[in-house]
Amino acid sequence: YLYRLFQAEGLTVAAYIRERRLANARRDLT
């Protein structure tokens, strides 16, 4: 059910978690 919620926005749950983590890490590195 959670996957369907995110798929409606063209996302997967795992990809969303990874993208948010990487974006925050990138911000901290700079």
PDB file of all heavy atoms in Angstrom:
ATOM      1  N   TYR A   1       0.838  -1.198   0.000  1.00  0.00           N
ATOM      2  CA  TYR A   1       0.000   0.000   0.000  1.00  0.00           C
ATOM      3  C   TYR A   1       0.875   1.252   0.000  1.00  0.00           C
ATOM      4  O   TYR A   1       0.607   2.225  -0.726  1.00  0.00           O
ATOM      5  CB  TYR A   1      -0.919  -0.010   1.219  1.00  0.00           C
ATOM      6  CG  TYR A   1      -1.878   1.155   1.277  1.00  0.00           C
ATOM      7  CD1 TYR A   1      -2.966   1.210   0.422  1.00  0.00           C
ATOM      8  CD2 TYR A   1      -1.688   2.186   2.180  1.00  0.00           C
ATOM      9  CE1 TYR A   1      -3.857   2.276   0.464  1.00  0.00           C
ATOM     10  CE2 TYR A   1      -2.564   3.253   2.240  1.00  0.00           C
ATOM     11  CZ  TYR A   1      -3.640   3.293   1.377  1.00  0.00           C
ATOM     12  OH  TYR A   1      -4.511   4.357   1.425  1.00  0.00           O
ATOM     13  N   LEU A   2       1.947   1.228   0.812  1.00  0.00           N
ATOM     14  CA  LEU A   2       2.859   2.364   0.855  1.00  0.00           C
ATOM     15  C   LEU A   2       3.512   2.584  -0.508  1.00  0.00           C
ATOM     16  O   LEU A   2       3.651   3.727  -0.971  1.00  0.00           O
ATOM     17  CB  LEU A   2       3.926   2.144   1.929  1.00  0.00           C
ATOM     18  CG  LEU A   2       4.893   3.302   2.174  1.00  0.00           C
ATOM     19  CD1 LEU A   2       4.175   4.491   2.793  1.00  0.00           C
ATOM     20  CD2 LEU A   2       6.045   2.860   3.080  1.00  0.00           C
ATOM     21  N   TYR A   3       3.910   1.502  -1.166  1.00  0.00           N
ATOM     22  CA  TYR A   3       4.508   1.619  -2.494  1.00  0.00           C
ATOM     23  C   TYR A   3       3.534   2.268  -3.475  1.00  0.00           C
ATOM     24  O   TYR A   3       3.930   3.110  -4.297  1.00  0.00           O
ATOM     25  CB  TYR A   3       4.925   0.237  -3.011  1.00  0.00           C
ATOM     26  CG  TYR A   3       6.261  -0.240  -2.500  1.00  0.00           C
ATOM     27  CD1 TYR A   3       6.366  -1.431  -1.787  1.00  0.00           C
ATOM     28  CD2 TYR A   3       7.421   0.503  -2.719  1.00  0.00           C
ATOM     29  CE1 TYR A   3       7.595  -1.872  -1.312  1.00  0.00           C
ATOM     30  CE2 TYR A   3       8.649   0.071  -2.250  1.00  0.00           C
ATOM     31  CZ  TYR A   3       8.739  -1.121  -1.540  1.00  0.00           C
ATOM     32  OH  TYR A   3       9.946  -1.547  -1.068  1.00  0.00           O
ATOM     33  N   ARG A   4       2.268   1.908  -3.396  1.00  0.00           N
ATOM     34  CA  ARG A   4       1.279   2.486  -4.313  1.00  0.00           C
ATOM     35  C   ARG A   4       1.143   3.990  -4.089  1.00  0.00           C
ATOM     36  O   ARG A   4       0.986   4.747  -5.049  1.00  0.00           O
ATOM     37  CB  ARG A   4      -0.077   1.805  -4.127  1.00  0.00           C
ATOM     38  CG  ARG A   4      -0.139   0.392  -4.690  1.00  0.00           C
ATOM     39  CD  ARG A   4      -1.576  -0.047  -4.928  1.00  0.00           C
ATOM     40  NE  ARG A   4      -2.381  -0.028  -3.717  1.00  0.00           N
ATOM     41  CZ  ARG A   4      -2.476  -1.019  -2.845  1.00  0.00           C
ATOM     42  NH1 ARG A   4      -1.776  -2.137  -3.064  1.00  0.00           N
ATOM     43  NH2 ARG A   4      -3.234  -0.935  -1.781  1.00  0.00           N
ATOM     44  N   LEU A   5       1.209   4.417  -2.821  1.00  0.00           N
ATOM     45  CA  LEU A   5       1.121   5.848  -2.531  1.00  0.00           C
ATOM     46  C   LEU A   5       2.256   6.612  -3.204  1.00  0.00           C
ATOM     47  O   LEU A   5       2.051   7.681  -3.788  1.00  0.00           O
ATOM     48  CB  LEU A   5       1.164   6.097  -1.021  1.00  0.00           C
ATOM     49  CG  LEU A   5      -0.002   5.582  -0.194  1.00  0.00           C
ATOM     50  CD1 LEU A   5       0.221   5.905   1.272  1.00  0.00           C
ATOM     51  CD2 LEU A   5      -1.321   6.198  -0.658  1.00  0.00           C
ATOM     52  N   PHE A   6       3.471   6.077  -3.114  1.00  0.00           N
ATOM     53  CA  PHE A   6       4.621   6.760  -3.698  1.00  0.00           C
ATOM     54  C   PHE A   6       4.641   6.619  -5.224  1.00  0.00           C
ATOM     55  O   PHE A   6       5.081   7.532  -5.928  1.00  0.00           O
ATOM     56  CB  PHE A   6       5.916   6.217  -3.087  1.00  0.00           C
ATOM     57  CG  PHE A   6       6.263   6.841  -1.766  1.00  0.00           C
ATOM     58  CD1 PHE A   6       5.514   6.563  -0.633  1.00  0.00           C
ATOM     59  CD2 PHE A   6       7.318   7.723  -1.643  1.00  0.00           C
ATOM     60  CE1 PHE A   6       5.809   7.135   0.597  1.00  0.00           C
ATOM     61  CE2 PHE A   6       7.630   8.314  -0.425  1.00  0.00           C
ATOM     62  CZ  PHE A   6       6.878   8.015   0.699  1.00  0.00           C
ATOM     63  N   GLN A   7       4.170   5.494  -5.738  1.00  0.00           N
ATOM     64  CA  GLN A   7       4.149   5.301  -7.183  1.00  0.00           C
ATOM     65  C   GLN A   7       3.240   6.309  -7.861  1.00  0.00           C
ATOM     66  O   GLN A   7       3.470   6.678  -9.021  1.00  0.00           O
ATOM     67  CB  GLN A   7       3.698   3.880  -7.515  1.00  0.00           C
ATOM     68  CG  GLN A   7       4.783   2.830  -7.295  1.00  0.00           C
ATOM     69  CD  GLN A   7       4.266   1.410  -7.471  1.00  0.00           C
ATOM     70  OE1 GLN A   7       3.060   1.194  -7.577  1.00  0.00           O
ATOM     71  NE2 GLN A   7       5.175   0.455  -7.492  1.00  0.00           N
ATOM     72  N   ALA A   8       2.211   6.773  -7.145  1.00  0.00           N
ATOM     73  CA  ALA A   8       1.321   7.788  -7.704  1.00  0.00           C
ATOM     74  C   ALA A   8       2.072   9.078  -8.015  1.00  0.00           C
ATOM     75  O   ALA A   8       1.628   9.884  -8.837  1.00  0.00           O
ATOM     76  CB  ALA A   8       0.176   8.071  -6.727  1.00  0.00           C
ATOM     77  N   GLU A   9       3.225   9.280  -7.373  1.00  0.00           N
ATOM     78  CA  GLU A   9       4.055  10.459  -7.620  1.00  0.00           C
ATOM     79  C   GLU A   9       5.308  10.101  -8.409  1.00  0.00           C
ATOM     80  O   GLU A   9       6.251  10.892  -8.489  1.00  0.00           O
ATOM     81  CB  GLU A   9       4.442  11.106  -6.294  1.00  0.00           C
ATOM     82  CG  GLU A   9       3.248  11.530  -5.460  1.00  0.00           C
ATOM     83  CD  GLU A   9       3.664  12.203  -4.159  1.00  0.00           C
ATOM     84  OE1 GLU A   9       4.780  12.742  -4.092  1.00  0.00           O
ATOM     85  OE2 GLU A   9       2.864  12.182  -3.217  1.00  0.00           O
ATOM     86  N   GLY A  10       5.337   8.897  -8.986  1.00  0.00           N
ATOM     87  CA  GLY A  10       6.483   8.491  -9.780  1.00  0.00           C
ATOM     88  C   GLY A  10       7.709   8.150  -8.966  1.00  0.00           C
ATOM     89  O   GLY A  10       8.841   8.292  -9.452  1.00  0.00           O
ATOM     90  N   LEU A  11       7.528   7.719  -7.711  1.00  0.00           N
ATOM     91  CA  LEU A  11       8.642   7.428  -6.815  1.00  0.00           C
ATOM     92  C   LEU A  11       8.540   6.003  -6.299  1.00  0.00           C
ATOM     93  O   LEU A  11       7.488   5.378  -6.349  1.00  0.00           O
ATOM     94  CB  LEU A  11       8.617   8.380  -5.612  1.00  0.00           C
ATOM     95  CG  LEU A  11       8.686   9.885  -5.867  1.00  0.00           C
ATOM     96  CD1 LEU A  11       8.364  10.635  -4.585  1.00  0.00           C
ATOM     97  CD2 LEU A  11      10.053  10.273  -6.384  1.00  0.00           C
ATOM     98  N   THR A  12       9.657   5.506  -5.798  1.00  0.00           N
ATOM     99  CA  THR A  12       9.627   4.330  -4.943  1.00  0.00           C
ATOM    100  C   THR A  12      10.050   4.775  -3.559  1.00  0.00           C
ATOM    101  O   THR A  12      10.768   5.779  -3.408  1.00  0.00           O
ATOM    102  CB  THR A  12      10.580   3.219  -5.437  1.00  0.00           C
ATOM    103  OG1 THR A  12      11.938   3.667  -5.285  1.00  0.00           O
ATOM    104  CG2 THR A  12      10.310   2.876  -6.901  1.00  0.00           C
ATOM    105  N   VAL A  13       9.639   4.059  -2.552  1.00  0.00           N
ATOM    106  CA  VAL A  13       9.959   4.458  -1.179  1.00  0.00           C
ATOM    107  C   VAL A  13      11.468   4.434  -0.949  1.00  0.00           C
ATOM    108  O   VAL A  13      12.049   5.367  -0.393  1.00  0.00           O
ATOM    109  CB  VAL A  13       9.242   3.549  -0.164  1.00  0.00           C
ATOM    110  CG1 VAL A  13       9.489   4.045   1.252  1.00  0.00           C
ATOM    111  CG2 VAL A  13       7.750   3.482  -0.456  1.00  0.00           C
ATOM    112  N   ALA A  14      12.108   3.372  -1.381  1.00  0.00           N
ATOM    113  CA  ALA A  14      13.550   3.249  -1.179  1.00  0.00           C
ATOM    114  C   ALA A  14      14.308   4.354  -1.899  1.00  0.00           C
ATOM    115  O   ALA A  14      15.270   4.931  -1.357  1.00  0.00           O
ATOM    116  CB  ALA A  14      14.030   1.885  -1.658  1.00  0.00           C
ATOM    117  N   ALA A  15      13.892   4.690  -3.127  1.00  0.00           N
ATOM    118  CA  ALA A  15      14.571   5.746  -3.876  1.00  0.00           C
ATOM    119  C   ALA A  15      14.388   7.095  -3.195  1.00  0.00           C
ATOM    120  O   ALA A  15      15.312   7.920  -3.152  1.00  0.00           O
ATOM    121  CB  ALA A  15      14.042   5.791  -5.307  1.00  0.00           C
ATOM    122  N   TYR A  16      13.182   7.332  -2.646  1.00  0.00           N
ATOM    123  CA  TYR A  16      12.933   8.599  -1.954  1.00  0.00           C
ATOM    124  C   TYR A  16      13.838   8.729  -0.734  1.00  0.00           C
ATOM    125  O   TYR A  16      14.437   9.789  -0.501  1.00  0.00           O
ATOM    126  CB  TYR A  16      11.471   8.680  -1.545  1.00  0.00           C
ATOM    127  CG  TYR A  16      11.116   9.975  -0.845  1.00  0.00           C
ATOM    128  CD1 TYR A  16      10.912  11.143  -1.566  1.00  0.00           C
ATOM    129  CD2 TYR A  16      11.002  10.032   0.550  1.00  0.00           C
ATOM    130  CE1 TYR A  16      10.602  12.331  -0.939  1.00  0.00           C
ATOM    131  CE2 TYR A  16      10.694  11.217   1.189  1.00  0.00           C
ATOM    132  CZ  TYR A  16      10.490  12.363   0.444  1.00  0.00           C
ATOM    133  OH  TYR A  16      10.197  13.548   1.079  1.00  0.00           O
ATOM    134  N   ILE A  17      13.968   7.641   0.045  1.00  0.00           N
ATOM    135  CA  ILE A  17      14.846   7.662   1.223  1.00  0.00           C
ATOM    136  C   ILE A  17      16.285   7.937   0.796  1.00  0.00           C
ATOM    137  O   ILE A  17      16.979   8.780   1.386  1.00  0.00           O
ATOM    138  CB  ILE A  17      14.750   6.324   1.982  1.00  0.00           C
ATOM    139  CG1 ILE A  17      13.353   6.154   2.598  1.00  0.00           C
ATOM    140  CG2 ILE A  17      15.823   6.249   3.068  1.00  0.00           C
ATOM    141  CD1 ILE A  17      13.118   4.788   3.218  1.00  0.00           C
ATOM    142  N   ARG A  18      16.733   7.235  -0.228  1.00  0.00           N
ATOM    143  CA  ARG A  18      18.123   7.403  -0.688  1.00  0.00           C
ATOM    144  C   ARG A  18      18.368   8.832  -1.187  1.00  0.00           C
ATOM    145  O   ARG A  18      19.398   9.450  -0.866  1.00  0.00           O
ATOM    146  CB  ARG A  18      18.431   6.396  -1.787  1.00  0.00           C
ATOM    147  CG  ARG A  18      19.879   6.440  -2.287  1.00  0.00           C
ATOM    148  CD  ARG A  18      20.177   5.293  -3.223  1.00  0.00           C
ATOM    149  NE  ARG A  18      19.317   5.316  -4.400  1.00  0.00           N
ATOM    150  CZ  ARG A  18      18.328   4.470  -4.624  1.00  0.00           C
ATOM    151  NH1 ARG A  18      18.051   3.517  -3.749  1.00  0.00           N
ATOM    152  NH2 ARG A  18      17.590   4.556  -5.722  1.00  0.00           N
ATOM    153  N   GLU A  19      17.443   9.367  -1.974  1.00  0.00           N
ATOM    154  CA  GLU A  19      17.622  10.717  -2.514  1.00  0.00           C
ATOM    155  C   GLU A  19      17.673  11.771  -1.413  1.00  0.00           C
ATOM    156  O   GLU A  19      18.485  12.702  -1.459  1.00  0.00           O
ATOM    157  CB  GLU A  19      16.493  11.029  -3.499  1.00  0.00           C
ATOM    158  CG  GLU A  19      16.584  10.253  -4.797  1.00  0.00           C
ATOM    159  CD  GLU A  19      15.337  10.400  -5.639  1.00  0.00           C
ATOM    160  OE1 GLU A  19      14.453  11.192  -5.248  1.00  0.00           O
ATOM    161  OE2 GLU A  19      15.236   9.708  -6.680  1.00  0.00           O
ATOM    162  N   ARG A  20      16.821  11.633  -0.405  1.00  0.00           N
ATOM    163  CA  ARG A  20      16.826  12.592   0.692  1.00  0.00           C
ATOM    164  C   ARG A  20      18.123  12.499   1.490  1.00  0.00           C
ATOM    165  O   ARG A  20      18.692  13.508   1.904  1.00  0.00           O
ATOM    166  CB  ARG A  20      15.628  12.347   1.616  1.00  0.00           C
ATOM    167  CG  ARG A  20      14.273  12.645   0.987  1.00  0.00           C
ATOM    168  CD  ARG A  20      14.114  14.119   0.637  1.00  0.00           C
ATOM    169  NE  ARG A  20      14.401  14.972   1.771  1.00  0.00           N
ATOM    170  CZ  ARG A  20      13.549  15.211   2.777  1.00  0.00           C
ATOM    171  NH1 ARG A  20      12.365  14.632   2.797  1.00  0.00           N
ATOM    172  NH2 ARG A  20      13.891  16.014   3.761  1.00  0.00           N
ATOM    173  N   ARG A  21      18.592  11.274   1.737  1.00  0.00           N
ATOM    174  CA  ARG A  21      19.852  11.096   2.464  1.00  0.00           C
ATOM    175  C   ARG A  21      21.015  11.719   1.699  1.00  0.00           C
ATOM    176  O   ARG A  21      21.840  12.442   2.272  1.00  0.00           O
ATOM    177  CB  ARG A  21      20.103   9.611   2.699  1.00  0.00           C
ATOM    178  CG  ARG A  21      19.301   9.018   3.842  1.00  0.00           C
ATOM    179  CD  ARG A  21      19.474   7.513   3.920  1.00  0.00           C
ATOM    180  NE  ARG A  21      19.004   6.999   5.200  1.00  0.00           N
ATOM    181  CZ  ARG A  21      18.751   5.731   5.450  1.00  0.00           C
ATOM    182  NH1 ARG A  21      18.913   4.824   4.485  1.00  0.00           N
ATOM    183  NH2 ARG A  21      18.323   5.347   6.640  1.00  0.00           N
ATOM    184  N   LEU A  22      21.089  11.445   0.417  1.00  0.00           N
ATOM    185  CA  LEU A  22      22.185  11.968  -0.388  1.00  0.00           C
ATOM    186  C   LEU A  22      22.130  13.485  -0.495  1.00  0.00           C
ATOM    187  O   LEU A  22      23.164  14.157  -0.450  1.00  0.00           O
ATOM    188  CB  LEU A  22      22.154  11.329  -1.781  1.00  0.00           C
ATOM    189  CG  LEU A  22      22.541   9.852  -1.838  1.00  0.00           C
ATOM    190  CD1 LEU A  22      22.256   9.285  -3.224  1.00  0.00           C
ATOM    191  CD2 LEU A  22      24.006   9.656  -1.470  1.00  0.00           C
ATOM    192  N   ALA A  23      20.930  14.032  -0.633  1.00  0.00           N
ATOM    193  CA  ALA A  23      20.808  15.491  -0.718  1.00  0.00           C
ATOM    194  C   ALA A  23      21.289  16.157   0.573  1.00  0.00           C
ATOM    195  O   ALA A  23      21.972  17.185   0.540  1.00  0.00           O
ATOM    196  CB  ALA A  23      19.354  15.870  -1.008  1.00  0.00           C
ATOM    197  N   ASN A  24      20.934  15.580   1.723  1.00  0.00           N
ATOM    198  CA  ASN A  24      21.380  16.148   2.989  1.00  0.00           C
ATOM    199  C   ASN A  24      22.883  15.992   3.166  1.00  0.00           C
ATOM    200  O   ASN A  24      23.562  16.900   3.678  1.00  0.00           O
ATOM    201  CB  ASN A  24      20.640  15.480   4.150  1.00  0.00           C
ATOM    202  CG  ASN A  24      19.212  15.957   4.266  1.00  0.00           C
ATOM    203  OD1 ASN A  24      18.786  16.846   3.547  1.00  0.00           O
ATOM    204  ND2 ASN A  24      18.445  15.361   5.155  1.00  0.00           N
ATOM    205  N   ALA A  25      23.417  14.844   2.759  1.00  0.00           N
ATOM    206  CA  ALA A  25      24.861  14.639   2.853  1.00  0.00           C
ATOM    207  C   ALA A  25      25.600  15.616   1.946  1.00  0.00           C
ATOM    208  O   ALA A  25      26.625  16.209   2.343  1.00  0.00           O
ATOM    209  CB  ALA A  25      25.210  13.196   2.476  1.00  0.00           C
ATOM    210  N   ARG A  26      25.093  15.824   0.764  1.00  0.00           N
ATOM    211  CA  ARG A  26      25.717  16.767  -0.180  1.00  0.00           C
ATOM    212  C   ARG A  26      25.712  18.184   0.386  1.00  0.00           C
ATOM    213  O   ARG A  26      26.696  18.926   0.261  1.00  0.00           O
ATOM    214  CB  ARG A  26      24.956  16.712  -1.506  1.00  0.00           C
ATOM    215  CG  ARG A  26      25.604  17.460  -2.656  1.00  0.00           C
ATOM    216  CD  ARG A  26      24.883  17.089  -3.942  1.00  0.00           C
ATOM    217  NE  ARG A  26      25.559  17.615  -5.107  1.00  0.00           N
ATOM    218  CZ  ARG A  26      25.120  18.659  -5.811  1.00  0.00           C
ATOM    219  NH1 ARG A  26      24.011  19.284  -5.428  1.00  0.00           N
ATOM    220  NH2 ARG A  26      25.762  19.065  -6.872  1.00  0.00           N
ATOM    221  N   ARG A  27      24.613  18.552   1.014  1.00  0.00           N
ATOM    222  CA  ARG A  27      24.533  19.879   1.633  1.00  0.00           C
ATOM    223  C   ARG A  27      25.574  20.025   2.741  1.00  0.00           C
ATOM    224  O   ARG A  27      26.262  21.044   2.842  1.00  0.00           O
ATOM    225  CB  ARG A  27      23.123  20.081   2.209  1.00  0.00           C
ATOM    226  CG  ARG A  27      22.895  21.458   2.847  1.00  0.00           C
ATOM    227  CD  ARG A  27      21.574  21.472   3.581  1.00  0.00           C
ATOM    228  NE  ARG A  27      21.579  20.547   4.694  1.00  0.00           N
ATOM    229  CZ  ARG A  27      20.489  19.982   5.194  1.00  0.00           C
ATOM    230  NH1 ARG A  27      19.308  20.235   4.679  1.00  0.00           N
ATOM    231  NH2 ARG A  27      20.575  19.160   6.225  1.00  0.00           N
ATOM    232  N   ASP A  28      25.732  18.987   3.577  1.00  0.00           N
ATOM    233  CA  ASP A  28      26.707  19.050   4.666  1.00  0.00           C
ATOM    234  C   ASP A  28      28.138  19.079   4.149  1.00  0.00           C
ATOM    235  O   ASP A  28      29.014  19.724   4.743  1.00  0.00           O
ATOM    236  CB  ASP A  28      26.526  17.854   5.607  1.00  0.00           C
ATOM    237  CG  ASP A  28      25.313  17.995   6.507  1.00  0.00           C
ATOM    238  OD1 ASP A  28      24.635  19.037   6.419  1.00  0.00           O
ATOM    239  OD2 ASP A  28      25.028  17.062   7.280  1.00  0.00           O
ATOM    240  N   LEU A  29      28.398  18.399   3.048  1.00  0.00           N
ATOM    241  CA  LEU A  29      29.755  18.377   2.492  1.00  0.00           C
ATOM    242  C   LEU A  29      30.191  19.750   1.987  1.00  0.00           C
ATOM    243  O   LEU A  29      31.390  20.043   1.929  1.00  0.00           O
ATOM    244  CB  LEU A  29      29.833  17.364   1.350  1.00  0.00           C
ATOM    245  CG  LEU A  29      29.853  15.891   1.773  1.00  0.00           C
ATOM    246  CD1 LEU A  29      29.582  14.993   0.571  1.00  0.00           C
ATOM    247  CD2 LEU A  29      31.187  15.525   2.421  1.00  0.00           C
ATOM    248  N   THR A  30      29.250  20.592   1.623  1.00  0.00           N
ATOM    249  CA  THR A  30      29.578  21.935   1.141  1.00  0.00           C
ATOM    250  C   THR A  30      29.428  22.994   2.225  1.00  0.00           C
ATOM    251  O   THR A  30      29.594  24.179   1.951  1.00  0.00           O
ATOM    252  CB  THR A  30      28.676  22.301  -0.056  1.00  0.00           C
ATOM    253  OG1 THR A  30      27.296  22.235   0.336  1.00  0.00           O
ATOM    254  CG2 THR A  30      28.907  21.354  -1.218  1.00  0.00           C
TER     255      THR A  30
END
